[in-house]
Amino acid sequence: MHVRELMTESDARRITDFYLSPVSFDDQRHTPGELEHFRHAPLLSLTQRNHRHWYIENEEGEIIAVTSCKENEHQSGGFLWDYLAVHRDYRRHGFAKILFQALETFARQAEGRYILTYTCDLPEYQPIQKMFALNGFELIGTYPNYYYEGEARLAFYKPLSK
């Protein structure tokens, strides 16, 4: 299994299907904005500057892990690490780390200055919070009640040294 970069409309639709599947995220209470993102962002990344998706397939050719990033809206070298989803049957095999390495390599090659990312503060998001810390991200802020009442958004930052 190896990392593939999204290059075709058919693979964009497969990524959308994976995002929306019951095996991608433990928390299935998606916000309206998340649903819109899952439905449209993979296709948009085929045409937008410095917007990428990467994925991993199993032996049967099914998508089992996806991540994405895009340059900030100011196009000033900051990158936003969007979603990371690993099929629940394939977790704890290092796929998230492999996808992050592809993303970080891309951001560095694009002369990125930093990566911003975020997650929810609910208990089911503690593994991704731990992954952020292990990969050099610093918690830089909390947005109370961001997703739903009682669900805060945690913001993380990683500088990219030249």
Protein backbone atom coordinates (compact mmCIF):
# COMPACT_ATOMS: atom_id res chain seq x y z
CA MET A 1 0.00 0.00 0.00
CA HIS A 2 1.30 3.41 -0.89
CA VAL A 3 0.14 7.02 -0.97
CA ARG A 4 -1.58 8.24 -4.12
CA GLU A 5 -2.29 11.84 -5.00
CA LEU A 6 -5.79 12.60 -6.23
CA MET A 7 -5.60 13.15 -10.01
CA THR A 8 -8.95 12.16 -11.54
CA GLU A 9 -12.63 13.01 -11.17
CA SER A 10 -13.50 9.37 -10.58
CA ASP A 11 -11.05 9.18 -7.67
CA ALA A 12 -12.46 12.47 -6.32
CA ARG A 13 -15.89 10.83 -6.24
CA ARG A 14 -14.41 7.77 -4.51
CA ILE A 15 -12.86 10.05 -1.86
CA THR A 16 -16.22 11.78 -1.36
CA ASP A 17 -17.87 8.39 -0.93
CA PHE A 18 -15.23 7.41 1.64
CA TYR A 19 -15.61 10.65 3.61
CA LEU A 20 -19.39 10.12 3.77
CA SER A 21 -19.17 6.42 4.66
CA PRO A 22 -19.85 5.15 8.20
CA VAL A 23 -16.28 3.74 8.45
CA SER A 24 -14.36 7.01 7.97
CA PHE A 25 -15.13 9.08 11.08
CA ASP A 26 -16.14 7.90 14.55
CA ASP A 27 -18.16 11.08 15.03
CA GLN A 28 -20.85 10.89 12.33
CA ARG A 29 -22.62 14.07 13.46
CA HIS A 30 -21.21 16.14 10.59
CA THR A 31 -21.96 19.84 10.40
CA PRO A 32 -23.62 21.18 7.25
CA GLY A 33 -20.28 22.72 6.28
CA GLU A 34 -18.46 19.42 6.68
CA LEU A 35 -20.98 17.67 4.46
CA GLU A 36 -20.52 20.36 1.82
CA HIS A 37 -16.75 20.01 2.12
CA PHE A 38 -16.86 16.21 1.77
CA ARG A 39 -19.08 16.50 -1.31
CA HIS A 40 -17.14 19.22 -3.14
CA ALA A 41 -13.56 19.66 -1.92
CA PRO A 42 -12.07 16.59 -3.61
CA LEU A 43 -13.26 17.76 -7.04
CA LEU A 44 -12.18 21.34 -6.34
CA SER A 45 -8.67 20.20 -5.48
CA LEU A 46 -8.25 19.10 -9.09
CA THR A 47 -8.45 22.72 -10.26
CA GLN A 48 -7.31 24.90 -7.36
CA ARG A 49 -3.73 26.04 -6.84
CA ASN A 50 -1.92 24.29 -3.97
CA HIS A 51 -4.96 22.26 -2.91
CA ARG A 52 -4.26 18.53 -2.67
CA HIS A 53 -5.79 15.24 -1.53
CA TRP A 54 -3.83 12.04 -0.88
CA TYR A 55 -5.23 8.59 -0.27
CA ILE A 56 -4.28 5.00 0.41
CA GLU A 57 -6.05 1.93 -0.96
CA ASN A 58 -6.16 -1.61 0.39
CA GLU A 59 -5.30 -4.68 -1.69
CA GLU A 60 -8.82 -4.69 -3.20
CA GLY A 61 -8.44 -1.09 -4.41
CA GLU A 62 -10.79 0.38 -1.80
CA ILE A 63 -9.87 3.73 -0.28
CA ILE A 64 -8.96 3.24 3.37
CA ALA A 65 -7.36 6.58 4.29
CA VAL A 66 -7.53 10.17 3.02
CA THR A 67 -6.08 13.55 3.92
CA SER A 68 -5.95 16.97 2.30
CA CYS A 69 -4.47 20.43 2.58
CA LYS A 70 -4.64 23.74 0.80
CA GLU A 71 -2.72 26.97 0.86
CA ASN A 72 -4.31 29.74 2.91
CA GLU A 73 -6.64 32.19 1.18
CA HIS A 74 -3.88 34.85 1.12
CA GLN A 75 -1.55 32.53 -0.82
CA SER A 76 1.24 33.56 1.53
CA GLY A 77 2.81 30.18 2.23
CA GLY A 78 0.58 29.03 5.04
CA PHE A 79 -1.17 25.69 4.60
CA LEU A 80 -4.35 24.40 6.18
CA TRP A 81 -4.38 20.67 6.91
CA ASP A 82 -8.02 19.83 6.46
CA TYR A 83 -9.40 16.37 7.12
CA LEU A 84 -7.71 13.10 7.93
CA ALA A 85 -9.82 9.96 7.90
CA VAL A 86 -8.69 6.35 8.26
CA HIS A 87 -11.10 3.44 7.86
CA ARG A 88 -11.86 2.13 11.33
CA ASP A 89 -10.60 -1.38 10.41
CA TYR A 90 -7.21 0.00 9.32
CA ARG A 91 -6.36 2.28 12.23
CA ARG A 92 -3.18 1.92 14.27
CA HIS A 93 -1.20 0.72 11.23
CA GLY A 94 0.62 4.02 10.57
CA PHE A 95 -1.51 5.19 7.63
CA ALA A 96 -2.26 8.57 9.22
CA LYS A 97 1.46 9.18 9.73
CA ILE A 98 2.26 8.18 6.14
CA LEU A 99 -0.40 10.56 4.80
CA PHE A 100 0.84 13.39 7.01
CA GLN A 101 4.38 12.86 5.72
CA ALA A 102 3.13 13.25 2.13
CA LEU A 103 1.26 16.41 3.10
CA GLU A 104 4.21 17.92 4.95
CA THR A 105 6.58 17.11 2.08
CA PHE A 106 4.20 18.86 -0.33
CA ALA A 107 3.93 21.96 1.90
CA ARG A 108 7.72 22.17 2.25
CA GLN A 109 8.26 21.74 -1.51
CA ALA A 110 5.73 24.53 -2.08
CA GLU A 111 7.92 26.68 0.22
CA GLY A 112 5.29 26.67 2.93
CA ARG A 113 5.97 28.63 6.08
CA TYR A 114 3.59 26.79 8.38
CA ILE A 115 0.75 24.29 8.65
CA LEU A 116 -2.42 25.06 10.58
CA THR A 117 -4.89 22.39 11.54
CA TYR A 118 -7.77 21.85 13.89
CA THR A 119 -9.97 19.28 15.57
CA CYS A 120 -12.81 18.98 18.03
CA ASP A 121 -12.29 18.75 21.79
CA LEU A 122 -14.55 15.70 22.27
CA PRO A 123 -12.91 12.51 23.67
CA GLU A 124 -13.08 10.65 20.33
CA TYR A 125 -10.65 13.24 18.89
CA GLN A 126 -7.89 12.61 21.46
CA PRO A 127 -5.94 10.29 19.12
CA ILE A 128 -5.62 13.01 16.46
CA GLN A 129 -4.67 15.56 19.12
CA LYS A 130 -1.90 13.20 20.20
CA MET A 131 -0.78 12.78 16.58
CA PHE A 132 -0.57 16.57 16.19
CA ALA A 133 1.64 16.83 19.29
CA LEU A 134 3.89 13.96 18.14
CA ASN A 135 4.39 15.71 14.79
CA GLY A 136 5.46 19.06 16.22
CA PHE A 137 2.15 20.94 16.34
CA GLU A 138 1.41 23.37 19.15
CA LEU A 139 -2.09 24.06 20.47
CA ILE A 140 -2.62 27.77 19.75
CA GLY A 141 -6.26 28.37 20.51
CA THR A 142 -9.72 27.21 21.39
CA TYR A 143 -12.99 28.29 19.80
CA PRO A 144 -15.76 27.47 22.30
CA ASN A 145 -19.03 26.00 20.96
CA TYR A 146 -17.63 26.11 17.42
CA TYR A 147 -19.14 22.96 15.90
CA TYR A 148 -22.19 22.53 18.09
CA GLU A 149 -23.08 23.73 21.58
CA GLY A 150 -20.50 22.21 23.92
CA GLU A 151 -18.04 21.24 21.13
CA ALA A 152 -14.99 23.46 20.86
CA ARG A 153 -12.56 23.73 17.97
CA LEU A 154 -8.89 23.31 18.92
CA ALA A 155 -6.40 25.05 16.61
CA PHE A 156 -2.85 23.73 16.12
CA TYR A 157 0.19 25.29 14.42
CA LYS A 158 3.47 23.91 13.09
CA PRO A 159 6.19 26.14 11.65
CA LEU A 160 8.08 24.77 8.66
CA SER A 161 11.77 25.64 8.97
CA LYS A 162 13.64 26.20 5.76
